[in-house]
PDB file of N, CA and C in Angstrom:
ATOM      1  N   UNK A   1     -47.041  15.137 -21.934  1.00  0.00           N
ATOM      2  CA  UNK A   1     -46.051  14.584 -21.038  1.00  0.00           C
ATOM      3  C   UNK A   1     -44.798  14.221 -21.849  1.00  0.00           C
ATOM      4  N   UNK A   2     -43.666  14.680 -21.399  1.00  0.00           N
ATOM      5  CA  UNK A   2     -42.389  14.453 -22.068  1.00  0.00           C
ATOM      6  C   UNK A   2     -41.870  13.063 -21.706  1.00  0.00           C
ATOM      7  N   UNK A   3     -41.468  12.309 -22.751  1.00  0.00           N
ATOM      8  CA  UNK A   3     -41.033  10.930 -22.491  1.00  0.00           C
ATOM      9  C   UNK A   3     -39.627  10.627 -22.982  1.00  0.00           C
ATOM     10  N   UNK A   4     -39.055  11.464 -23.832  1.00  0.00           N
ATOM     11  CA  UNK A   4     -37.717  11.181 -24.361  1.00  0.00           C
ATOM     12  C   UNK A   4     -36.703  12.178 -23.813  1.00  0.00           C
ATOM     13  N   UNK A   5     -35.449  11.781 -23.828  1.00  0.00           N
ATOM     14  CA  UNK A   5     -34.377  12.652 -23.360  1.00  0.00           C
ATOM     15  C   UNK A   5     -34.295  13.918 -24.212  1.00  0.00           C
ATOM     16  N   UNK A   6     -34.427  13.784 -25.523  1.00  0.00           N
ATOM     17  CA  UNK A   6     -34.351  14.948 -26.416  1.00  0.00           C
ATOM     18  C   UNK A   6     -35.476  15.935 -26.130  1.00  0.00           C
ATOM     19  N   UNK A   7     -36.678  15.426 -25.901  1.00  0.00           N
ATOM     20  CA  UNK A   7     -37.811  16.301 -25.600  1.00  0.00           C
ATOM     21  C   UNK A   7     -37.615  16.985 -24.241  1.00  0.00           C
ATOM     22  N   UNK A   8     -37.080  16.243 -23.266  1.00  0.00           N
ATOM     23  CA  UNK A   8     -36.806  16.819 -21.946  1.00  0.00           C
ATOM     24  C   UNK A   8     -35.765  17.929 -22.053  1.00  0.00           C
ATOM     25  N   UNK A   9     -34.726  17.705 -22.865  1.00  0.00           N
ATOM     26  CA  UNK A   9     -33.684  18.725 -23.044  1.00  0.00           C
ATOM     27  C   UNK A   9     -34.260  19.985 -23.694  1.00  0.00           C
ATOM     28  N   UNK A  10     -35.126  19.814 -24.694  1.00  0.00           N
ATOM     29  CA  UNK A  10     -35.748  20.981 -25.342  1.00  0.00           C
ATOM     30  C   UNK A  10     -36.607  21.770 -24.351  1.00  0.00           C
ATOM     31  N   UNK A  11     -37.370  21.066 -23.532  1.00  0.00           N
ATOM     32  CA  UNK A  11     -38.239  21.728 -22.540  1.00  0.00           C
ATOM     33  C   UNK A  11     -37.386  22.440 -21.479  1.00  0.00           C
ATOM     34  N   UNK A  12     -36.319  21.802 -21.008  1.00  0.00           N
ATOM     35  CA  UNK A  12     -35.434  22.430 -20.027  1.00  0.00           C
ATOM     36  C   UNK A  12     -34.765  23.672 -20.606  1.00  0.00           C
ATOM     37  N   UNK A  13     -34.330  23.603 -21.857  1.00  0.00           N
ATOM     38  CA  UNK A  13     -33.707  24.759 -22.503  1.00  0.00           C
ATOM     39  C   UNK A  13     -34.703  25.910 -22.586  1.00  0.00           C
ATOM     40  N   UNK A  14     -35.967  25.605 -22.915  1.00  0.00           N
ATOM     41  CA  UNK A  14     -36.996  26.643 -22.989  1.00  0.00           C
ATOM     42  C   UNK A  14     -37.254  27.254 -21.615  1.00  0.00           C
ATOM     43  N   UNK A  15     -37.303  26.423 -20.578  1.00  0.00           N
ATOM     44  CA  UNK A  15     -37.503  26.934 -19.217  1.00  0.00           C
ATOM     45  C   UNK A  15     -36.329  27.801 -18.778  1.00  0.00           C
ATOM     46  N   UNK A  16     -35.118  27.382 -19.126  1.00  0.00           N
ATOM     47  CA  UNK A  16     -33.930  28.173 -18.775  1.00  0.00           C
ATOM     48  C   UNK A  16     -33.968  29.527 -19.479  1.00  0.00           C
ATOM     49  N   UNK A  17     -34.298  29.522 -20.761  1.00  0.00           N
ATOM     50  CA  UNK A  17     -34.348  30.789 -21.502  1.00  0.00           C
ATOM     51  C   UNK A  17     -35.446  31.703 -20.980  1.00  0.00           C
ATOM     52  N   UNK A  18     -36.534  31.123 -20.470  1.00  0.00           N
ATOM     53  CA  UNK A  18     -37.647  31.928 -19.960  1.00  0.00           C
ATOM     54  C   UNK A  18     -37.228  32.741 -18.737  1.00  0.00           C
ATOM     55  N   UNK A  19     -36.643  32.076 -17.738  1.00  0.00           N
ATOM     56  CA  UNK A  19     -36.238  32.814 -16.539  1.00  0.00           C
ATOM     57  C   UNK A  19     -35.264  32.037 -15.655  1.00  0.00           C
ATOM     58  N   UNK A  20     -34.397  31.250 -16.272  1.00  0.00           N
ATOM     59  CA  UNK A  20     -33.365  30.551 -15.520  1.00  0.00           C
ATOM     60  C   UNK A  20     -32.125  31.421 -15.385  1.00  0.00           C
ATOM     61  N   UNK A  21     -31.181  30.977 -14.586  1.00  0.00           N
ATOM     62  CA  UNK A  21     -29.926  31.711 -14.449  1.00  0.00           C
ATOM     63  C   UNK A  21     -28.808  30.756 -14.040  1.00  0.00           C
ATOM     64  N   UNK A  22     -27.592  31.254 -14.169  1.00  0.00           N
ATOM     65  CA  UNK A  22     -26.389  30.505 -13.793  1.00  0.00           C
ATOM     66  C   UNK A  22     -25.677  31.299 -12.705  1.00  0.00           C
ATOM     67  N   UNK A  23     -25.188  30.607 -11.695  1.00  0.00           N
ATOM     68  CA  UNK A  23     -24.338  31.254 -10.698  1.00  0.00           C
ATOM     69  C   UNK A  23     -22.945  30.659 -10.824  1.00  0.00           C
ATOM     70  N   UNK A  24     -21.960  31.533 -10.933  1.00  0.00           N
ATOM     71  CA  UNK A  24     -20.559  31.118 -10.991  1.00  0.00           C
ATOM     72  C   UNK A  24     -19.859  31.612  -9.734  1.00  0.00           C
ATOM     73  N   UNK A  25     -18.844  30.906  -9.245  1.00  0.00           N
ATOM     74  CA  UNK A  25     -18.155  31.357  -8.035  1.00  0.00           C
ATOM     75  C   UNK A  25     -17.376  32.646  -8.287  1.00  0.00           C
ATOM     76  N   UNK A  26     -17.291  33.468  -7.255  1.00  0.00           N
ATOM     77  CA  UNK A  26     -16.520  34.704  -7.294  1.00  0.00           C
ATOM     78  C   UNK A  26     -15.109  34.369  -6.796  1.00  0.00           C
ATOM     79  N   UNK A  27     -14.189  34.234  -7.727  1.00  0.00           N
ATOM     80  CA  UNK A  27     -12.828  33.798  -7.370  1.00  0.00           C
ATOM     81  C   UNK A  27     -12.122  34.805  -6.459  1.00  0.00           C
ATOM     82  N   UNK A  28     -12.341  36.087  -6.674  1.00  0.00           N
ATOM     83  CA  UNK A  28     -11.716  37.118  -5.840  1.00  0.00           C
ATOM     84  C   UNK A  28     -12.195  37.001  -4.390  1.00  0.00           C
ATOM     85  N   UNK A  29     -13.493  36.840  -4.227  1.00  0.00           N
ATOM     86  CA  UNK A  29     -14.046  36.707  -2.878  1.00  0.00           C
ATOM     87  C   UNK A  29     -13.547  35.427  -2.204  1.00  0.00           C
ATOM     88  N   UNK A  30     -13.426  34.356  -2.970  1.00  0.00           N
ATOM     89  CA  UNK A  30     -12.909  33.098  -2.429  1.00  0.00           C
ATOM     90  C   UNK A  30     -11.466  33.279  -1.956  1.00  0.00           C
ATOM     91  N   UNK A  31     -10.678  34.016  -2.744  1.00  0.00           N
ATOM     92  CA  UNK A  31      -9.291  34.281  -2.345  1.00  0.00           C
ATOM     93  C   UNK A  31      -9.242  35.102  -1.058  1.00  0.00           C
ATOM     94  N   UNK A  32     -10.111  36.105  -0.963  1.00  0.00           N
ATOM     95  CA  UNK A  32     -10.115  36.987   0.214  1.00  0.00           C
ATOM     96  C   UNK A  32     -10.624  36.284   1.465  1.00  0.00           C
ATOM     97  N   UNK A  33     -11.744  35.579   1.339  1.00  0.00           N
ATOM     98  CA  UNK A  33     -12.379  34.960   2.505  1.00  0.00           C
ATOM     99  C   UNK A  33     -11.867  33.556   2.779  1.00  0.00           C
ATOM    100  N   UNK A  34     -11.309  32.918   1.762  1.00  0.00           N
ATOM    101  CA  UNK A  34     -10.824  31.550   1.922  1.00  0.00           C
ATOM    102  C   UNK A  34     -11.927  30.548   1.650  1.00  0.00           C
ATOM    103  N   UNK A  35     -11.552  29.363   1.212  1.00  0.00           N
ATOM    104  CA  UNK A  35     -12.547  28.350   0.852  1.00  0.00           C
ATOM    105  C   UNK A  35     -13.334  27.810   2.046  1.00  0.00           C
ATOM    106  N   UNK A  36     -12.833  28.007   3.261  1.00  0.00           N
ATOM    107  CA  UNK A  36     -13.573  27.535   4.431  1.00  0.00           C
ATOM    108  C   UNK A  36     -14.791  28.421   4.704  1.00  0.00           C
ATOM    109  N   UNK A  37     -14.735  29.703   4.317  1.00  0.00           N
ATOM    110  CA  UNK A  37     -15.855  30.637   4.541  1.00  0.00           C
ATOM    111  C   UNK A  37     -16.724  30.826   3.305  1.00  0.00           C
ATOM    112  N   UNK A  38     -16.119  30.968   2.158  1.00  0.00           N
ATOM    113  CA  UNK A  38     -16.862  31.219   0.926  1.00  0.00           C
ATOM    114  C   UNK A  38     -17.135  29.895   0.229  1.00  0.00           C
ATOM    115  N   UNK A  39     -18.382  29.463   0.249  1.00  0.00           N
ATOM    116  CA  UNK A  39     -18.718  28.134  -0.258  1.00  0.00           C
ATOM    117  C   UNK A  39     -19.646  28.165  -1.460  1.00  0.00           C
ATOM    118  N   UNK A  40     -19.751  29.299  -2.134  1.00  0.00           N
ATOM    119  CA  UNK A  40     -20.610  29.380  -3.314  1.00  0.00           C
ATOM    120  C   UNK A  40     -19.924  28.710  -4.494  1.00  0.00           C
ATOM    121  N   UNK A  41     -20.659  27.900  -5.204  1.00  0.00           N
ATOM    122  CA  UNK A  41     -20.076  27.189  -6.330  1.00  0.00           C
ATOM    123  C   UNK A  41     -20.877  27.394  -7.597  1.00  0.00           C
ATOM    124  N   UNK A  42     -20.731  26.471  -8.510  1.00  0.00           N
ATOM    125  CA  UNK A  42     -21.428  26.516  -9.788  1.00  0.00           C
ATOM    126  C   UNK A  42     -22.856  26.015  -9.606  1.00  0.00           C
ATOM    127  N   UNK A  43     -23.813  26.713 -10.237  1.00  0.00           N
ATOM    128  CA  UNK A  43     -25.215  26.335 -10.070  1.00  0.00           C
ATOM    129  C   UNK A  43     -26.049  26.841 -11.245  1.00  0.00           C
ATOM    130  N   UNK A  44     -26.954  25.987 -11.715  1.00  0.00           N
ATOM    131  CA  UNK A  44     -28.009  26.390 -12.648  1.00  0.00           C
ATOM    132  C   UNK A  44     -29.271  26.504 -11.811  1.00  0.00           C
ATOM    133  N   UNK A  45     -30.036  27.576 -12.015  1.00  0.00           N
ATOM    134  CA  UNK A  45     -31.310  27.733 -11.306  1.00  0.00           C
ATOM    135  C   UNK A  45     -32.435  27.818 -12.321  1.00  0.00           C
ATOM    136  N   UNK A  46     -33.386  26.926 -12.181  1.00  0.00           N
ATOM    137  CA  UNK A  46     -34.584  26.956 -13.009  1.00  0.00           C
ATOM    138  C   UNK A  46     -35.744  27.405 -12.139  1.00  0.00           C
ATOM    139  N   UNK A  47     -36.690  28.118 -12.724  1.00  0.00           N
ATOM    140  CA  UNK A  47     -37.803  28.678 -11.967  1.00  0.00           C
ATOM    141  C   UNK A  47     -39.105  28.022 -12.380  1.00  0.00           C
ATOM    142  N   UNK A  48     -39.843  27.560 -11.375  1.00  0.00           N
ATOM    143  CA  UNK A  48     -41.171  27.000 -11.597  1.00  0.00           C
ATOM    144  C   UNK A  48     -42.198  28.064 -11.237  1.00  0.00           C
ATOM    145  N   UNK A  49     -43.083  28.379 -12.171  1.00  0.00           N
ATOM    146  CA  UNK A  49     -44.092  29.403 -11.929  1.00  0.00           C
ATOM    147  C   UNK A  49     -45.308  28.881 -11.171  1.00  0.00           C
ATOM    148  N   UNK A  50     -45.504  27.560 -11.163  1.00  0.00           N
ATOM    149  CA  UNK A  50     -46.649  26.985 -10.463  1.00  0.00           C
ATOM    150  C   UNK A  50     -46.302  25.574  -9.986  1.00  0.00           C
ATOM    151  N   UNK A  51     -47.221  24.974  -9.282  1.00  0.00           N
ATOM    152  CA  UNK A  51     -46.978  23.642  -8.713  1.00  0.00           C
ATOM    153  C   UNK A  51     -46.783  22.572  -9.784  1.00  0.00           C
ATOM    154  N   UNK A  52     -47.457  22.726 -10.916  1.00  0.00           N
ATOM    155  CA  UNK A  52     -47.305  21.744 -11.992  1.00  0.00           C
ATOM    156  C   UNK A  52     -45.860  21.752 -12.510  1.00  0.00           C
ATOM    157  N   UNK A  53     -45.295  22.948 -12.707  1.00  0.00           N
ATOM    158  CA  UNK A  53     -43.896  23.032 -13.142  1.00  0.00           C
ATOM    159  C   UNK A  53     -42.953  22.574 -12.042  1.00  0.00           C
ATOM    160  N   UNK A  54     -43.311  22.799 -10.783  1.00  0.00           N
ATOM    161  CA  UNK A  54     -42.483  22.342  -9.664  1.00  0.00           C
ATOM    162  C   UNK A  54     -42.363  20.816  -9.674  1.00  0.00           C
ATOM    163  N   UNK A  55     -43.394  20.120 -10.104  1.00  0.00           N
ATOM    164  CA  UNK A  55     -43.331  18.660 -10.223  1.00  0.00           C
ATOM    165  C   UNK A  55     -42.643  18.246 -11.519  1.00  0.00           C
ATOM    166  N   UNK A  56     -42.840  19.035 -12.583  1.00  0.00           N
ATOM    167  CA  UNK A  56     -42.316  18.675 -13.899  1.00  0.00           C
ATOM    168  C   UNK A  56     -40.792  18.826 -14.000  1.00  0.00           C
ATOM    169  N   UNK A  57     -40.238  19.906 -13.480  1.00  0.00           N
ATOM    170  CA  UNK A  57     -38.821  20.221 -13.689  1.00  0.00           C
ATOM    171  C   UNK A  57     -37.879  19.148 -13.127  1.00  0.00           C
ATOM    172  N   UNK A  58     -38.035  18.689 -11.890  1.00  0.00           N
ATOM    173  CA  UNK A  58     -37.130  17.625 -11.418  1.00  0.00           C
ATOM    174  C   UNK A  58     -37.224  16.348 -12.257  1.00  0.00           C
ATOM    175  N   UNK A  59     -38.424  16.022 -12.748  1.00  0.00           N
ATOM    176  CA  UNK A  59     -38.595  14.846 -13.600  1.00  0.00           C
ATOM    177  C   UNK A  59     -37.860  15.041 -14.927  1.00  0.00           C
ATOM    178  N   UNK A  60     -37.966  16.249 -15.501  1.00  0.00           N
ATOM    179  CA  UNK A  60     -37.251  16.550 -16.745  1.00  0.00           C
ATOM    180  C   UNK A  60     -35.741  16.474 -16.538  1.00  0.00           C
ATOM    181  N   UNK A  61     -35.274  17.025 -15.428  1.00  0.00           N
ATOM    182  CA  UNK A  61     -33.839  17.002 -15.131  1.00  0.00           C
ATOM    183  C   UNK A  61     -33.334  15.565 -15.033  1.00  0.00           C
ATOM    184  N   UNK A  62     -34.078  14.727 -14.337  1.00  0.00           N
ATOM    185  CA  UNK A  62     -33.679  13.323 -14.187  1.00  0.00           C
ATOM    186  C   UNK A  62     -33.658  12.621 -15.544  1.00  0.00           C
ATOM    187  N   UNK A  63     -34.672  12.867 -16.354  1.00  0.00           N
ATOM    188  CA  UNK A  63     -34.750  12.255 -17.682  1.00  0.00           C
ATOM    189  C   UNK A  63     -33.579  12.693 -18.566  1.00  0.00           C
ATOM    190  N   UNK A  64     -33.128  13.950 -18.383  1.00  0.00           N
ATOM    191  CA  UNK A  64     -32.020  14.485 -19.176  1.00  0.00           C
ATOM    192  C   UNK A  64     -30.652  14.155 -18.576  1.00  0.00           C
ATOM    193  N   UNK A  65     -30.623  13.502 -17.413  1.00  0.00           N
ATOM    194  CA  UNK A  65     -29.350  13.073 -16.829  1.00  0.00           C
ATOM    195  C   UNK A  65     -28.753  14.029 -15.808  1.00  0.00           C
ATOM    196  N   UNK A  66     -29.589  14.865 -15.185  1.00  0.00           N
ATOM    197  CA  UNK A  66     -29.122  15.802 -14.159  1.00  0.00           C
ATOM    198  C   UNK A  66     -29.745  15.443 -12.818  1.00  0.00           C
ATOM    199  N   UNK A  67     -29.131  15.910 -11.764  1.00  0.00           N
ATOM    200  CA  UNK A  67     -29.644  15.673 -10.421  1.00  0.00           C
ATOM    201  C   UNK A  67     -30.110  17.003  -9.850  1.00  0.00           C
ATOM    202  N   UNK A  68     -31.387  17.123  -9.586  1.00  0.00           N
ATOM    203  CA  UNK A  68     -31.955  18.361  -9.058  1.00  0.00           C
ATOM    204  C   UNK A  68     -31.637  18.499  -7.575  1.00  0.00           C
ATOM    205  N   UNK A  69     -31.355  19.733  -7.162  1.00  0.00           N
ATOM    206  CA  UNK A  69     -31.187  20.030  -5.746  1.00  0.00           C
ATOM    207  C   UNK A  69     -32.549  20.231  -5.102  1.00  0.00           C
ATOM    208  N   UNK A  70     -32.533  20.608  -3.850  1.00  0.00           N
ATOM    209  CA  UNK A  70     -33.769  20.818  -3.103  1.00  0.00           C
ATOM    210  C   UNK A  70     -34.426  22.130  -3.550  1.00  0.00           C
ATOM    211  N   UNK A  71     -35.675  22.081  -4.002  1.00  0.00           N
ATOM    212  CA  UNK A  71     -36.362  23.312  -4.408  1.00  0.00           C
ATOM    213  C   UNK A  71     -36.573  24.236  -3.217  1.00  0.00           C
ATOM    214  N   UNK A  72     -36.536  25.535  -3.473  1.00  0.00           N
ATOM    215  CA  UNK A  72     -36.816  26.504  -2.421  1.00  0.00           C
ATOM    216  C   UNK A  72     -37.690  27.620  -2.979  1.00  0.00           C
ATOM    217  N   UNK A  73     -38.532  28.169  -2.120  1.00  0.00           N
ATOM    218  CA  UNK A  73     -39.458  29.217  -2.527  1.00  0.00           C
ATOM    219  C   UNK A  73     -38.740  30.562  -2.546  1.00  0.00           C
ATOM    220  N   UNK A  74     -39.102  31.374  -3.534  1.00  0.00           N
ATOM    221  CA  UNK A  74     -38.608  32.745  -3.599  1.00  0.00           C
ATOM    222  C   UNK A  74     -39.717  33.562  -4.248  1.00  0.00           C
ATOM    223  N   UNK A  75     -40.278  34.466  -3.462  1.00  0.00           N
ATOM    224  CA  UNK A  75     -41.441  35.200  -3.950  1.00  0.00           C
ATOM    225  C   UNK A  75     -42.599  34.238  -4.126  1.00  0.00           C
ATOM    226  N   UNK A  76     -43.287  34.366  -5.237  1.00  0.00           N
ATOM    227  CA  UNK A  76     -44.416  33.475  -5.526  1.00  0.00           C
ATOM    228  C   UNK A  76     -44.013  32.304  -6.408  1.00  0.00           C
ATOM    229  N   UNK A  77     -42.722  32.062  -6.541  1.00  0.00           N
ATOM    230  CA  UNK A  77     -42.215  31.012  -7.422  1.00  0.00           C
ATOM    231  C   UNK A  77     -41.278  30.096  -6.663  1.00  0.00           C
ATOM    232  N   UNK A  78     -40.906  29.015  -7.325  1.00  0.00           N
ATOM    233  CA  UNK A  78     -39.970  28.052  -6.758  1.00  0.00           C
ATOM    234  C   UNK A  78     -38.717  28.025  -7.608  1.00  0.00           C
ATOM    235  N   UNK A  79     -37.556  27.891  -6.965  1.00  0.00           N
ATOM    236  CA  UNK A  79     -36.277  27.745  -7.653  1.00  0.00           C
ATOM    237  C   UNK A  79     -35.800  26.305  -7.470  1.00  0.00           C
ATOM    238  N   UNK A  80     -35.397  25.688  -8.576  1.00  0.00           N
ATOM    239  CA  UNK A  80     -34.871  24.327  -8.537  1.00  0.00           C
ATOM    240  C   UNK A  80     -33.416  24.387  -9.000  1.00  0.00           C
ATOM    241  N   UNK A  81     -32.462  24.109  -8.102  1.00  0.00           N
ATOM    242  CA  UNK A  81     -31.048  24.200  -8.476  1.00  0.00           C
ATOM    243  C   UNK A  81     -30.484  22.895  -9.017  1.00  0.00           C
ATOM    244  N   UNK A  82     -29.436  23.043  -9.809  1.00  0.00           N
ATOM    245  CA  UNK A  82     -28.595  21.927 -10.251  1.00  0.00           C
ATOM    246  C   UNK A  82     -27.180  22.374  -9.942  1.00  0.00           C
ATOM    247  N   UNK A  83     -26.468  21.614  -9.114  1.00  0.00           N
ATOM    248  CA  UNK A  83     -25.159  22.030  -8.629  1.00  0.00           C
ATOM    249  C   UNK A  83     -24.007  21.329  -9.349  1.00  0.00           C
ATOM    250  N   UNK A  84     -22.882  22.020  -9.404  1.00  0.00           N
ATOM    251  CA  UNK A  84     -21.640  21.425  -9.884  1.00  0.00           C
ATOM    252  C   UNK A  84     -21.161  22.013 -11.196  1.00  0.00           C
ATOM    253  N   UNK A  85     -19.852  22.142 -11.297  1.00  0.00           N
ATOM    254  CA  UNK A  85     -19.253  22.732 -12.496  1.00  0.00           C
ATOM    255  C   UNK A  85     -19.535  21.885 -13.741  1.00  0.00           C
ATOM    256  N   UNK A  86     -19.356  20.585 -13.617  1.00  0.00           N
ATOM    257  CA  UNK A  86     -19.575  19.698 -14.761  1.00  0.00           C
ATOM    258  C   UNK A  86     -21.036  19.760 -15.209  1.00  0.00           C
ATOM    259  N   UNK A  87     -21.965  19.784 -14.258  1.00  0.00           N
ATOM    260  CA  UNK A  87     -23.388  19.859 -14.587  1.00  0.00           C
ATOM    261  C   UNK A  87     -23.722  21.186 -15.271  1.00  0.00           C
ATOM    262  N   UNK A  88     -23.140  22.278 -14.790  1.00  0.00           N
ATOM    263  CA  UNK A  88     -23.379  23.597 -15.403  1.00  0.00           C
ATOM    264  C   UNK A  88     -22.837  23.610 -16.830  1.00  0.00           C
ATOM    265  N   UNK A  89     -21.637  23.095 -17.028  1.00  0.00           N
ATOM    266  CA  UNK A  89     -21.049  23.052 -18.372  1.00  0.00           C
ATOM    267  C   UNK A  89     -21.910  22.219 -19.326  1.00  0.00           C
ATOM    268  N   UNK A  90     -22.339  21.044 -18.878  1.00  0.00           N
ATOM    269  CA  UNK A  90     -23.189  20.189 -19.710  1.00  0.00           C
ATOM    270  C   UNK A  90     -24.526  20.852 -20.001  1.00  0.00           C
ATOM    271  N   UNK A  91     -25.099  21.528 -18.980  1.00  0.00           N
ATOM    272  CA  UNK A  91     -26.391  22.179 -19.142  1.00  0.00           C
ATOM    273  C   UNK A  91     -26.294  23.317 -20.177  1.00  0.00           C
ATOM    274  N   UNK A  92     -25.259  24.129 -20.081  1.00  0.00           N
ATOM    275  CA  UNK A  92     -25.097  25.235 -21.036  1.00  0.00           C
ATOM    276  C   UNK A  92     -24.889  24.699 -22.454  1.00  0.00           C
ATOM    277  N   UNK A  93     -24.136  23.615 -22.594  1.00  0.00           N
ATOM    278  CA  UNK A  93     -23.951  23.011 -23.907  1.00  0.00           C
ATOM    279  C   UNK A  93     -25.293  22.494 -24.449  1.00  0.00           C
ATOM    280  N   UNK A  94     -26.102  21.933 -23.580  1.00  0.00           N
ATOM    281  CA  UNK A  94     -27.425  21.444 -23.969  1.00  0.00           C
ATOM    282  C   UNK A  94     -28.306  22.604 -24.438  1.00  0.00           C
ATOM    283  N   UNK A  95     -28.284  23.707 -23.709  1.00  0.00           N
ATOM    284  CA  UNK A  95     -29.102  24.873 -24.075  1.00  0.00           C
ATOM    285  C   UNK A  95     -28.668  25.396 -25.444  1.00  0.00           C
ATOM    286  N   UNK A  96     -27.361  25.463 -25.694  1.00  0.00           N
ATOM    287  CA  UNK A  96     -26.875  25.921 -27.009  1.00  0.00           C
ATOM    288  C   UNK A  96     -27.292  24.973 -28.126  1.00  0.00           C
ATOM    289  N   UNK A  97     -27.290  23.686 -27.839  1.00  0.00           N
ATOM    290  CA  UNK A  97     -27.671  22.670 -28.831  1.00  0.00           C
ATOM    291  C   UNK A  97     -29.158  22.738 -29.174  1.00  0.00           C
ATOM    292  N   UNK A  98     -29.987  23.090 -28.194  1.00  0.00           N
ATOM    293  CA  UNK A  98     -31.442  23.084 -28.354  1.00  0.00           C
ATOM    294  C   UNK A  98     -31.969  24.456 -28.770  1.00  0.00           C
ATOM    295  N   UNK A  99     -31.457  24.988 -29.836  1.00  0.00           N
ATOM    296  CA  UNK A  99     -31.918  26.315 -30.311  1.00  0.00           C
ATOM    297  C   UNK A  99     -33.090  26.176 -31.231  1.00  0.00           C
TER     298      UNK A  99
END
């Protein structure tokens, strides 16, 4: 069980490297459709392979200072999002630090 912020950051970085992803907004599409229609923003997506990870990831995110979004199922796995440009920037910096 992870109890420190540093350990949580290392575990999150490992989970991200395993099968996480980043979504960035498509500026061209936003210009074409307008901000009232195109609402995709910055997002980190972490994937839980089982129920144990589905419980672990939000706890790790909270311990590391992030706010997890609502998990959603995709295939046989769960996706846990973290929203916001500042959160994505901090998360990527954390992943680079935890090599």
